[in-house]
C-alpha atoms as a PDB file:
ATOM      1  CA  MET A   1      15.845 -25.182  42.540  1.00  0.00           C
ATOM      2  CA  ASP A   2      13.936 -23.634  39.678  1.00  0.00           C
ATOM      3  CA  PRO A   3      13.355 -25.655  36.683  1.00  0.00           C
ATOM      4  CA  GLU A   4      15.109 -24.543  33.581  1.00  0.00           C
ATOM      5  CA  PRO A   5      13.072 -22.619  31.045  1.00  0.00           C
ATOM      6  CA  GLN A   6      11.912 -24.566  28.068  1.00  0.00           C
ATOM      7  CA  PRO A   7      13.328 -23.252  24.838  1.00  0.00           C
ATOM      8  CA  ASN A   8      10.940 -21.221  22.638  1.00  0.00           C
ATOM      9  CA  ASN A   9      11.076 -21.847  18.797  1.00  0.00           C
ATOM     10  CA  GLN A  10       9.996 -18.232  17.951  1.00  0.00           C
ATOM     11  CA  TRP A  11      12.570 -15.638  17.280  1.00  0.00           C
ATOM     12  CA  GLN A  12      12.624 -12.840  19.925  1.00  0.00           C
ATOM     13  CA  PRO A  13      14.803  -9.700  19.791  1.00  0.00           C
ATOM     14  CA  PRO A  14      17.610  -9.603  22.301  1.00  0.00           C
ATOM     15  CA  GLU A  15      17.099  -7.660  25.378  1.00  0.00           C
ATOM     16  CA  PRO A  16      19.089  -4.537  25.674  1.00  0.00           C
ATOM     17  CA  GLN A  17      21.906  -4.678  28.044  1.00  0.00           C
ATOM     18  CA  PRO A  18      22.114  -2.254  31.024  1.00  0.00           C
ATOM     19  CA  SER A  19      25.446  -0.837  29.610  1.00  0.00           C
ATOM     20  CA  GLU A  20      23.749  -0.007  26.245  1.00  0.00           C
ATOM     21  CA  PRO A  21      22.231   3.635  26.038  1.00  0.00           C
ATOM     22  CA  GLN A  22      18.637   3.557  25.368  1.00  0.00           C
ATOM     23  CA  HIS A  23      17.502   5.371  22.212  1.00  0.00           C
ATOM     24  CA  ASN A  24      15.209   8.185  22.923  1.00  0.00           C
ATOM     25  CA  PRO A  25      13.889   9.998  19.893  1.00  0.00           C
ATOM     26  CA  SER A  26      13.563  13.289  21.735  1.00  0.00           C
ATOM     27  CA  GLN A  27      17.151  13.161  22.449  1.00  0.00           C
ATOM     28  CA  THR A  28      18.252  12.930  18.810  1.00  0.00           C
ATOM     29  CA  PRO A  29      20.532  15.933  17.973  1.00  0.00           C
ATOM     30  CA  VAL A  30      19.093  18.258  15.438  1.00  0.00           C
ATOM     31  CA  GLN A  31      21.424  18.878  12.402  1.00  0.00           C
ATOM     32  CA  GLY A  32      23.597  21.833  13.026  1.00  0.00           C
ATOM     33  CA  SER A  33      23.295  21.690  16.878  1.00  0.00           C
ATOM     34  CA  SER A  34      25.354  19.814  19.322  1.00  0.00           C
ATOM     35  CA  SER A  35      22.765  19.554  22.023  1.00  0.00           C
ATOM     36  CA  PRO A  36      19.739  17.255  22.237  1.00  0.00           C
ATOM     37  CA  THR A  37      16.540  18.737  21.282  1.00  0.00           C
ATOM     38  CA  ASP A  38      14.173  19.737  23.965  1.00  0.00           C
ATOM     39  CA  PRO A  39      10.583  18.358  23.023  1.00  0.00           C
ATOM     40  CA  ALA A  40       9.113  21.623  24.287  1.00  0.00           C
ATOM     41  CA  LYS A  41      11.241  23.720  22.054  1.00  0.00           C
ATOM     42  CA  ALA A  42      11.080  21.396  19.028  1.00  0.00           C
ATOM     43  CA  GLY A  43       8.204  23.432  17.535  1.00  0.00           C
ATOM     44  CA  ASN A  44       9.688  26.792  18.057  1.00  0.00           C
ATOM     45  CA  GLN A  45      12.714  26.235  15.710  1.00  0.00           C
ATOM     46  CA  PRO A  46      12.364  28.003  12.479  1.00  0.00           C
ATOM     47  CA  PRO A  47      12.742  25.857   9.278  1.00  0.00           C
ATOM     48  CA  ASN A  48      15.893  26.054   7.431  1.00  0.00           C
ATOM     49  CA  PRO A  49      15.063  28.104   4.345  1.00  0.00           C
ATOM     50  CA  LEU A  50      18.343  26.746   2.487  1.00  0.00           C
ATOM     51  CA  LYS A  51      17.465  23.164   2.735  1.00  0.00           C
ATOM     52  CA  LYS A  52      14.536  21.825   0.596  1.00  0.00           C
ATOM     53  CA  PRO A  53      13.000  18.489   1.063  1.00  0.00           C
ATOM     54  CA  VAL A  54      14.133  15.930  -1.387  1.00  0.00           C
ATOM     55  CA  ALA A  55      11.442  13.656  -2.698  1.00  0.00           C
ATOM     56  CA  PRO A  56      12.466  10.208  -3.777  1.00  0.00           C
ATOM     57  CA  PRO A  57      12.661   9.704  -7.533  1.00  0.00           C
ATOM     58  CA  GLY A  58       9.703   8.463  -9.382  1.00  0.00           C
ATOM     59  CA  TRP A  59       9.810   5.946 -12.215  1.00  0.00           C
ATOM     60  CA  GLU A  60       9.479   6.359 -15.865  1.00  0.00           C
ATOM     61  CA  TYR A  61       8.006   3.263 -17.607  1.00  0.00           C
ATOM     62  CA  ARG A  62       8.248   1.891 -21.092  1.00  0.00           C
ATOM     63  CA  VAL A  63       6.143  -1.043 -22.545  1.00  0.00           C
ATOM     64  CA  LEU A  64       7.287  -3.058 -25.486  1.00  0.00           C
ATOM     65  CA  HIS A  65       4.947  -5.533 -27.259  1.00  0.00           C
ATOM     66  CA  ILE A  66       5.837  -8.149 -29.725  1.00  0.00           C
ATOM     67  CA  ASN A  67       3.268 -10.094 -31.633  1.00  0.00           C
ATOM     68  CA  VAL A  68       3.796 -13.854 -31.104  1.00  0.00           C
ATOM     69  CA  ASP A  69       2.784 -15.614 -34.316  1.00  0.00           C
ATOM     70  CA  ASN A  70       4.524 -19.046 -34.690  1.00  0.00           C
ATOM     71  CA  ASN A  71       2.630 -19.741 -37.935  1.00  0.00           C
ATOM     72  CA  ASN A  72       4.155 -16.890 -39.960  1.00  0.00           C
ATOM     73  CA  PRO A  73       7.878 -16.690 -39.408  1.00  0.00           C
ATOM     74  CA  PRO A  74       9.752 -13.549 -40.658  1.00  0.00           C
ATOM     75  CA  GLY A  75      11.714 -13.822 -43.978  1.00  0.00           C
ATOM     76  CA  GLY A  76      14.471 -11.886 -45.197  1.00  0.00           C
ATOM     77  CA  PRO A  77      13.993  -8.541 -46.995  1.00  0.00           C
ATOM     78  CA  ASN A  78      12.347  -9.254 -50.499  1.00  0.00           C
ATOM     79  CA  PRO A  79      12.048  -6.073 -52.841  1.00  0.00           C
ATOM     80  CA  LYS A  80       8.980  -7.685 -54.726  1.00  0.00           C
ATOM     81  CA  GLN A  81       7.096  -8.402 -51.565  1.00  0.00           C
ATOM     82  CA  ASP A  82       7.972  -4.871 -50.241  1.00  0.00           C
ATOM     83  CA  SER A  83       6.903  -3.220 -53.501  1.00  0.00           C
ATOM     84  CA  ALA A  84       3.625  -5.156 -53.290  1.00  0.00           C
ATOM     85  CA  LYS A  85       3.118  -4.091 -49.761  1.00  0.00           C
ATOM     86  CA  LEU A  86       3.492  -0.431 -50.861  1.00  0.00           C
ATOM     87  CA  GLY A  87       0.945  -1.006 -53.457  1.00  0.00           C
ATOM     88  CA  GLY A  88       3.458  -0.810 -56.420  1.00  0.00           C
ATOM     89  CA  SER A  89       4.254   2.904 -55.706  1.00  0.00           C
ATOM     90  CA  LEU A  90       7.951   1.832 -55.559  1.00  0.00           C
ATOM     91  CA  SER A  91       9.200  -0.658 -58.042  1.00  0.00           C
ATOM     92  CA  PRO A  92      11.443  -3.538 -56.761  1.00  0.00           C
ATOM     93  CA  GLU A  93      14.343  -2.221 -58.972  1.00  0.00           C
ATOM     94  CA  PHE A  94      13.999   1.178 -57.398  1.00  0.00           C
ATOM     95  CA  LEU A  95      13.995  -0.377 -53.845  1.00  0.00           C
ATOM     96  CA  LYS A  96      17.265  -2.546 -54.739  1.00  0.00           C
ATOM     97  CA  ARG A  97      18.988   0.543 -56.078  1.00  0.00           C
ATOM     98  CA  GLU A  98      18.017   3.117 -53.348  1.00  0.00           C
ATOM     99  CA  PHE A  99      18.434   0.558 -50.454  1.00  0.00           C
ATOM    100  CA  PRO A 100      21.356  -1.703 -51.439  1.00  0.00           C
ATOM    101  CA  ASP A 101      22.160  -2.496 -47.640  1.00  0.00           C
ATOM    102  CA  GLN A 102      18.712  -3.952 -47.236  1.00  0.00           C
ATOM    103  CA  TYR A 103      18.610  -6.043 -50.438  1.00  0.00           C
ATOM    104  CA  THR A 104      22.194  -7.605 -50.555  1.00  0.00           C
ATOM    105  CA  ALA A 105      22.710 -11.242 -50.467  1.00  0.00           C
ATOM    106  CA  ALA A 106      23.889 -10.859 -46.835  1.00  0.00           C
ATOM    107  CA  ALA A 107      20.767  -8.901 -45.743  1.00  0.00           C
ATOM    108  CA  ARG A 108      18.503 -11.591 -47.244  1.00  0.00           C
ATOM    109  CA  LYS A 109      19.519 -13.965 -44.709  1.00  0.00           C
ATOM    110  CA  PRO A 110      17.018 -13.554 -41.871  1.00  0.00           C
ATOM    111  CA  VAL A 111      18.229 -12.796 -38.288  1.00  0.00           C
ATOM    112  CA  HIS A 112      16.797 -15.193 -35.606  1.00  0.00           C
ATOM    113  CA  PRO A 113      14.042 -13.252 -33.514  1.00  0.00           C
ATOM    114  CA  ALA A 114      16.088 -14.071 -30.302  1.00  0.00           C
ATOM    115  CA  GLU A 115      19.087 -12.323 -31.822  1.00  0.00           C
ATOM    116  CA  GLN A 116      16.953  -9.514 -32.877  1.00  0.00           C
ATOM    117  CA  LEU A 117      15.392  -9.118 -29.400  1.00  0.00           C
ATOM    118  CA  GLN A 118      18.732  -9.371 -27.707  1.00  0.00           C
ATOM    119  CA  PHE A 119      20.032  -6.518 -29.714  1.00  0.00           C
ATOM    120  CA  PHE A 120      16.999  -4.386 -28.790  1.00  0.00           C
ATOM    121  CA  LEU A 121      17.310  -5.278 -25.162  1.00  0.00           C
ATOM    122  CA  ASN A 122      20.845  -4.390 -24.981  1.00  0.00           C
ATOM    123  CA  GLN A 123      20.343  -0.905 -26.562  1.00  0.00           C
ATOM    124  CA  LEU A 124      17.421  -0.388 -24.036  1.00  0.00           C
ATOM    125  CA  GLY A 125      19.828  -1.434 -21.209  1.00  0.00           C
ATOM    126  CA  ARG A 126      22.513   1.135 -22.486  1.00  0.00           C
ATOM    127  CA  ASP A 127      19.692   3.791 -22.240  1.00  0.00           C
ATOM    128  CA  ARG A 128      19.365   2.668 -18.531  1.00  0.00           C
ATOM    129  CA  TRP A 129      16.136   0.870 -18.749  1.00  0.00           C
ATOM    130  CA  GLU A 130      15.637  -2.055 -16.593  1.00  0.00           C
ATOM    131  CA  LEU A 131      13.289  -5.048 -17.547  1.00  0.00           C
ATOM    132  CA  VAL A 132      10.816  -5.635 -14.633  1.00  0.00           C
ATOM    133  CA  GLU A 133       8.212  -7.751 -16.204  1.00  0.00           C
ATOM    134  CA  ALA A 134       7.451  -9.886 -19.271  1.00  0.00           C
ATOM    135  CA  ALA A 135       3.980 -11.403 -19.747  1.00  0.00           C
ATOM    136  CA  GLN A 136       1.829 -12.572 -22.493  1.00  0.00           C
ATOM    137  CA  VAL A 137      -1.374 -11.187 -23.285  1.00  0.00           C
ATOM    138  CA  GLY A 138      -3.248 -13.094 -26.016  1.00  0.00           C
ATOM    139  CA  PRO A 139      -0.877 -13.191 -28.934  1.00  0.00           C
ATOM    140  CA  LEU A 140       1.347 -10.330 -27.506  1.00  0.00           C
ATOM    141  CA  LEU A 141       4.402 -10.668 -25.579  1.00  0.00           C
ATOM    142  CA  MET A 142       4.555  -7.583 -23.222  1.00  0.00           C
ATOM    143  CA  PHE A 143       7.957  -6.360 -21.768  1.00  0.00           C
ATOM    144  CA  ILE A 144       7.740  -3.737 -19.158  1.00  0.00           C
ATOM    145  CA  PHE A 145      10.773  -1.549 -18.456  1.00  0.00           C
ATOM    146  CA  LYS A 146      11.445   1.190 -15.736  1.00  0.00           C
ATOM    147  CA  ARG A 147      14.108   3.707 -14.896  1.00  0.00           C
ATOM    148  CA  PRO A 148      14.367   6.586 -12.421  1.00  0.00           C
ATOM    149  CA  ALA A 149      12.376   9.578 -13.848  1.00  0.00           C
ATOM    150  CA  ALA A 150      14.446  12.804 -14.599  1.00  0.00           C
ATOM    151  CA  PRO A 151      14.190  15.416 -11.961  1.00  0.00           C
ATOM    152  CA  ALA A 152      11.510  17.874 -12.774  1.00  0.00           C
END
């Protein structure tokens, strides 16, 4: 009596059963024909001029960076500060009059940075950009997006 084989803990592919047909690449039917390809004749078939090879799509990338400075949180719009940033070329009164949506009481309330980022990320998502990586490089937070490239 033969001893029973000891179990092997490594995975091994199942052995093909005799009833299963063996796959032979030289017998794979050619598109448009019903008979197996003869390896001797495979190189003699003319290429199909109507069928062009299709390359897989490439990727288009977009990088967004945000300056992470926790010591200087952003405030709401301020016409005096904005006029000073412009070197006084536009007066605070002019800015308030020409840009009322920016300088109303509701606009003065700062929007939390997370909410601003969420709005921007949702817009990129609608444009089919996928966030693939976020990394901090010094004071910059880098967001890397990709989407399938448009066909050339």
